[in-house]
N, C-alpha and C. Protein backbone atom coordinates (compact mmCIF):
# COMPACT_ATOMS: atom_id res chain seq x y z
N MET A 1 -236.56 95.99 -61.72
CA MET A 1 -238.70 95.78 -61.04
C MET A 1 -238.47 95.14 -61.80
N THR A 2 -239.25 93.54 -60.58
CA THR A 2 -239.83 92.72 -61.27
C THR A 2 -241.47 93.02 -61.67
N ASP A 3 -241.48 91.61 -62.88
CA ASP A 3 -242.87 91.62 -63.07
C ASP A 3 -244.47 91.76 -61.57
N ARG A 4 -243.88 91.14 -60.98
CA ARG A 4 -245.16 91.41 -59.93
C ARG A 4 -244.88 92.88 -59.02
N LEU A 5 -243.70 93.61 -58.69
CA LEU A 5 -243.24 94.78 -58.29
C LEU A 5 -244.11 95.31 -58.95
N LYS A 6 -244.45 96.20 -60.75
CA LYS A 6 -244.84 96.22 -62.14
C LYS A 6 -246.16 96.25 -62.55
N ARG A 7 -246.83 94.87 -61.83
CA ARG A 7 -248.45 95.19 -61.63
C ARG A 7 -249.01 95.86 -59.98
N LEU A 8 -248.58 95.73 -59.19
CA LEU A 8 -248.69 96.53 -57.93
C LEU A 8 -248.65 98.01 -58.16
N ALA A 9 -247.31 98.04 -59.15
CA ALA A 9 -247.62 100.25 -59.33
C ALA A 9 -248.72 100.36 -60.06
N TYR A 10 -249.03 98.52 -60.81
CA TYR A 10 -249.83 99.33 -61.84
C TYR A 10 -251.46 99.81 -61.02
N ARG A 11 -251.70 98.29 -60.07
CA ARG A 11 -252.63 98.45 -58.98
C ARG A 11 -253.27 99.79 -58.45
N ALA A 12 -252.01 100.07 -57.60
CA ALA A 12 -251.50 101.58 -56.69
C ALA A 12 -252.58 102.32 -57.67
N GLN A 13 -251.66 102.69 -59.13
CA GLN A 13 -251.95 104.41 -59.44
C GLN A 13 -253.10 103.62 -60.59
N ARG A 14 -254.38 102.93 -60.42
CA ARG A 14 -255.13 102.51 -60.77
C ARG A 14 -256.67 102.74 -60.22
N ARG A 15 -256.78 103.05 -58.72
CA ARG A 15 -257.93 102.86 -58.18
C ARG A 15 -258.54 103.58 -57.87
N GLY A 16 -259.52 103.91 -58.56
CA GLY A 16 -261.23 104.85 -59.48
C GLY A 16 -261.41 106.09 -58.12
N PHE A 17 -260.14 106.86 -57.81
CA PHE A 17 -260.42 106.67 -56.51
C PHE A 17 -259.18 108.49 -56.84
N LYS A 18 -259.64 109.88 -57.61
CA LYS A 18 -258.35 109.89 -57.62
C LYS A 18 -257.47 110.69 -56.76
N GLU A 19 -257.53 110.59 -55.46
CA GLU A 19 -257.63 110.98 -54.46
C GLU A 19 -256.01 109.63 -53.68
N ALA A 20 -257.17 109.05 -53.77
CA ALA A 20 -255.76 107.51 -53.57
C ALA A 20 -255.13 107.36 -54.46
N ASP A 21 -255.29 107.68 -56.08
CA ASP A 21 -254.24 107.20 -56.65
C ASP A 21 -252.84 107.99 -56.47
N ILE A 22 -253.80 109.64 -56.57
CA ILE A 22 -252.22 109.87 -56.11
C ILE A 22 -252.19 109.38 -54.88
N ILE A 23 -251.95 109.96 -54.32
CA ILE A 23 -251.20 109.26 -52.55
C ILE A 23 -250.24 108.28 -52.81
N PHE A 24 -251.30 107.06 -53.19
CA PHE A 24 -250.79 105.51 -54.10
C PHE A 24 -249.48 105.60 -54.95
N GLN A 25 -249.66 106.95 -56.19
CA GLN A 25 -249.03 106.97 -57.00
C GLN A 25 -247.08 107.30 -56.55
N ARG A 26 -247.64 108.30 -55.55
CA ARG A 26 -246.04 109.20 -54.71
C ARG A 26 -245.88 108.01 -53.99
N PHE A 27 -246.65 107.03 -53.03
CA PHE A 27 -245.82 106.14 -53.24
C PHE A 27 -245.33 104.96 -53.39
N THR A 28 -245.48 105.05 -53.82
CA THR A 28 -244.83 103.93 -54.92
C THR A 28 -243.44 104.68 -55.94
N GLU A 29 -242.70 106.20 -56.50
CA GLU A 29 -242.74 106.06 -56.87
C GLU A 29 -241.00 106.39 -55.64
N ALA A 30 -241.43 106.63 -54.78
CA ALA A 30 -240.57 107.23 -53.23
C ALA A 30 -240.07 105.66 -52.94
N HIS A 31 -240.33 104.22 -52.93
CA HIS A 31 -240.79 102.87 -52.27
C HIS A 31 -240.54 101.74 -52.67
N LEU A 32 -241.23 101.73 -54.37
CA LEU A 32 -241.88 100.44 -54.23
C LEU A 32 -240.88 99.80 -54.96
N ALA A 33 -240.41 99.77 -55.22
CA ALA A 33 -238.28 99.65 -56.10
C ALA A 33 -237.44 98.89 -55.01
N GLY A 34 -237.67 98.87 -54.15
CA GLY A 34 -237.50 98.41 -52.24
C GLY A 34 -237.54 97.81 -51.85
N PHE A 35 -239.13 96.98 -52.05
CA PHE A 35 -240.15 96.52 -51.37
C PHE A 35 -238.91 95.42 -50.79
N SER A 36 -239.40 94.23 -50.26
CA SER A 36 -239.00 92.61 -49.64
C SER A 36 -239.87 92.55 -50.33
N PRO A 37 -240.10 90.99 -50.39
CA PRO A 37 -240.87 89.88 -50.73
C PRO A 37 -242.58 89.91 -49.97
N ASP A 38 -242.14 90.33 -48.52
CA ASP A 38 -243.00 90.49 -47.28
C ASP A 38 -242.97 92.41 -47.03
N GLU A 39 -242.60 92.61 -47.77
CA GLU A 39 -243.31 94.29 -47.76
C GLU A 39 -244.16 93.80 -48.95
N ALA A 40 -244.72 93.39 -50.20
CA ALA A 40 -244.64 93.23 -51.97
C ALA A 40 -246.09 92.79 -50.79
N ASP A 41 -246.08 91.84 -50.10
CA ASP A 41 -247.65 90.28 -49.99
C ASP A 41 -247.68 91.84 -49.35
N GLU A 42 -247.52 92.15 -48.36
CA GLU A 42 -248.31 93.46 -47.27
C GLU A 42 -249.09 94.34 -48.14
N PHE A 43 -248.46 94.95 -49.00
CA PHE A 43 -248.60 95.85 -49.59
C PHE A 43 -249.66 95.49 -50.89
N GLU A 44 -249.69 94.52 -51.45
CA GLU A 44 -250.73 93.83 -51.93
C GLU A 44 -252.51 93.31 -51.47
N ARG A 45 -252.25 93.54 -49.47
CA ARG A 45 -252.89 93.66 -48.69
C ARG A 45 -253.42 94.89 -48.30
N ILE A 46 -252.58 95.62 -48.76
CA ILE A 46 -252.79 97.33 -48.78
C ILE A 46 -253.66 97.52 -49.70
N LEU A 47 -253.68 97.47 -51.13
CA LEU A 47 -254.22 97.60 -52.30
C LEU A 47 -255.54 96.95 -52.38
N ASP A 48 -255.84 95.91 -51.36
CA ASP A 48 -256.80 95.22 -51.48
C ASP A 48 -258.52 95.80 -50.16
N LEU A 49 -257.41 97.25 -49.72
CA LEU A 49 -258.79 97.42 -48.70
C LEU A 49 -260.02 99.01 -49.99
N HIS A 50 -260.24 99.17 -48.63
CA HIS A 50 -261.42 100.30 -49.75
C HIS A 50 -260.57 100.96 -49.83
N ASP A 51 -260.86 102.27 -50.88
CA ASP A 51 -260.28 103.55 -50.32
C ASP A 51 -260.53 104.36 -49.86
N GLN A 52 -261.86 104.49 -49.11
CA GLN A 52 -262.70 105.53 -48.69
C GLN A 52 -261.79 104.98 -46.64
N ASP A 53 -262.06 104.23 -46.61
CA ASP A 53 -261.49 103.40 -45.22
C ASP A 53 -259.53 104.04 -45.24
N ILE A 54 -258.87 104.16 -46.34
CA ILE A 54 -257.31 104.20 -46.75
C ILE A 54 -257.51 105.82 -46.13
N LEU A 55 -258.41 106.49 -46.73
CA LEU A 55 -257.77 108.37 -47.30
C LEU A 55 -259.16 108.52 -45.05
N SER A 56 -259.04 108.17 -44.77
CA SER A 56 -259.86 107.87 -43.20
C SER A 56 -258.66 108.35 -42.10
N TRP A 57 -257.99 106.54 -42.61
CA TRP A 57 -257.07 106.95 -41.95
C TRP A 57 -255.60 107.51 -42.57
N VAL A 58 -255.90 108.12 -43.28
CA VAL A 58 -254.69 109.48 -44.00
C VAL A 58 -255.02 110.47 -43.11
N MET A 59 -256.61 110.83 -42.65
CA MET A 59 -256.57 112.38 -41.84
C MET A 59 -256.53 111.69 -40.66
N GLY A 60 -257.04 111.08 -40.82
CA GLY A 60 -257.28 110.75 -39.03
C GLY A 60 -258.38 110.74 -38.05
N ARG A 61 -259.34 110.33 -39.13
CA ARG A 61 -260.73 110.38 -39.27
C ARG A 61 -260.83 108.45 -38.22
N SER A 62 -260.22 107.84 -38.50
CA SER A 62 -260.26 106.82 -37.92
C SER A 62 -258.70 105.84 -37.88
N GLU A 63 -259.20 104.75 -37.13
CA GLU A 63 -257.26 104.28 -37.67
C GLU A 63 -258.19 102.10 -38.19
N PRO A 64 -257.17 102.43 -38.09
CA PRO A 64 -257.17 100.57 -38.88
C PRO A 64 -257.56 100.09 -38.21
N PRO A 65 -258.42 98.34 -38.75
CA PRO A 65 -258.71 97.83 -38.13
C PRO A 65 -257.41 96.94 -37.37
N THR A 66 -257.16 96.55 -36.25
CA THR A 66 -256.13 95.40 -36.10
C THR A 66 -255.51 94.70 -37.33
N GLU A 67 -256.13 93.61 -37.89
CA GLU A 67 -256.31 92.64 -38.99
C GLU A 67 -255.63 94.37 -40.44
N ALA A 68 -255.94 94.75 -39.93
CA ALA A 68 -255.19 95.71 -41.14
C ALA A 68 -253.93 96.82 -41.39
N GLN A 69 -253.53 96.41 -39.67
CA GLN A 69 -251.64 97.60 -39.27
C GLN A 69 -250.90 96.13 -39.44
N GLY A 70 -249.86 96.60 -40.35
CA GLY A 70 -248.95 95.97 -40.99
C GLY A 70 -246.88 96.81 -40.38
N PRO A 71 -246.56 96.98 -40.46
CA PRO A 71 -245.58 98.08 -40.81
C PRO A 71 -245.55 98.54 -41.65
N LEU A 72 -245.67 98.00 -43.43
CA LEU A 72 -245.80 98.84 -44.50
C LEU A 72 -247.34 99.26 -43.79
N LEU A 73 -247.73 98.84 -43.53
CA LEU A 73 -249.37 100.04 -44.09
C LEU A 73 -248.56 102.01 -42.62
N GLU A 74 -247.76 101.56 -41.52
CA GLU A 74 -247.36 102.78 -40.91
C GLU A 74 -246.86 102.85 -41.41
N LYS A 75 -246.21 103.17 -42.99
CA LYS A 75 -244.30 103.27 -43.81
C LYS A 75 -245.76 104.94 -44.79
N PHE A 76 -246.26 103.42 -44.96
CA PHE A 76 -247.07 104.85 -45.65
C PHE A 76 -248.81 105.59 -45.17
N LEU A 77 -249.07 105.18 -44.49
CA LEU A 77 -249.40 106.35 -43.36
C LEU A 77 -248.61 107.49 -43.27
N ALA A 78 -247.40 107.11 -42.70
CA ALA A 78 -246.30 108.23 -42.18
C ALA A 78 -246.32 109.00 -43.48
N PHE A 79 -245.66 107.94 -44.12
CA PHE A 79 -245.65 108.69 -45.64
C PHE A 79 -246.65 110.22 -46.30
N ALA A 80 -248.12 109.47 -45.86
CA ALA A 80 -248.92 110.65 -46.43
C ALA A 80 -249.78 111.70 -45.44
N ARG A 81 -249.15 111.49 -44.52
CA ARG A 81 -249.64 112.17 -43.60
C ARG A 81 -248.57 112.95 -43.36
N ASN A 82 -247.52 112.84 -43.82
CA ASN A 82 -246.08 113.68 -43.62
C ASN A 82 -245.92 114.74 -45.03
N GLY A 83 -246.61 114.67 -45.52
CA GLY A 83 -246.42 115.64 -47.30
C GLY A 83 -246.12 114.74 -48.38
N GLY A 84 -245.69 113.95 -48.07
CA GLY A 84 -245.19 113.13 -48.81
C GLY A 84 -245.99 113.01 -50.10
N ALA A 85 -246.92 112.57 -49.51
CA ALA A 85 -248.60 112.09 -50.41
C ALA A 85 -249.30 113.21 -50.42
N SER A 86 -248.72 115.15 -50.63
CA SER A 86 -249.64 116.30 -51.12
C SER A 86 -251.24 116.65 -51.68
N ILE A 87 -252.15 115.76 -51.25
CA ILE A 87 -253.29 115.74 -52.14
C ILE A 87 -253.70 117.07 -52.78
N VAL A 88 -253.07 118.13 -52.18
CA VAL A 88 -254.28 119.57 -52.15
C VAL A 88 -252.57 120.81 -53.10
N GLY A 89 -253.08 121.16 -54.73
CA GLY A 89 -251.95 122.09 -55.05
C GLY A 89 -250.74 120.94 -55.20
């Protein structure tokens, strides 16, 4: 794994909001090693978003704004919504 991907993994697992930490940690464990440079760029943009917004999107309470949408965010949300990152039990 490249240094950049290691830094992204570190950021993903230490967000300061326990539920987000769990979701991001499980997603990175499942997918980060296979990221293309474009996916790493998009993931970095996702990490810059607010945890509360991301959790609202995961739970289907709201939809991401157009400027936040992208293929990796769709993959992340599908992963979280389909049990890949269950934060219950």
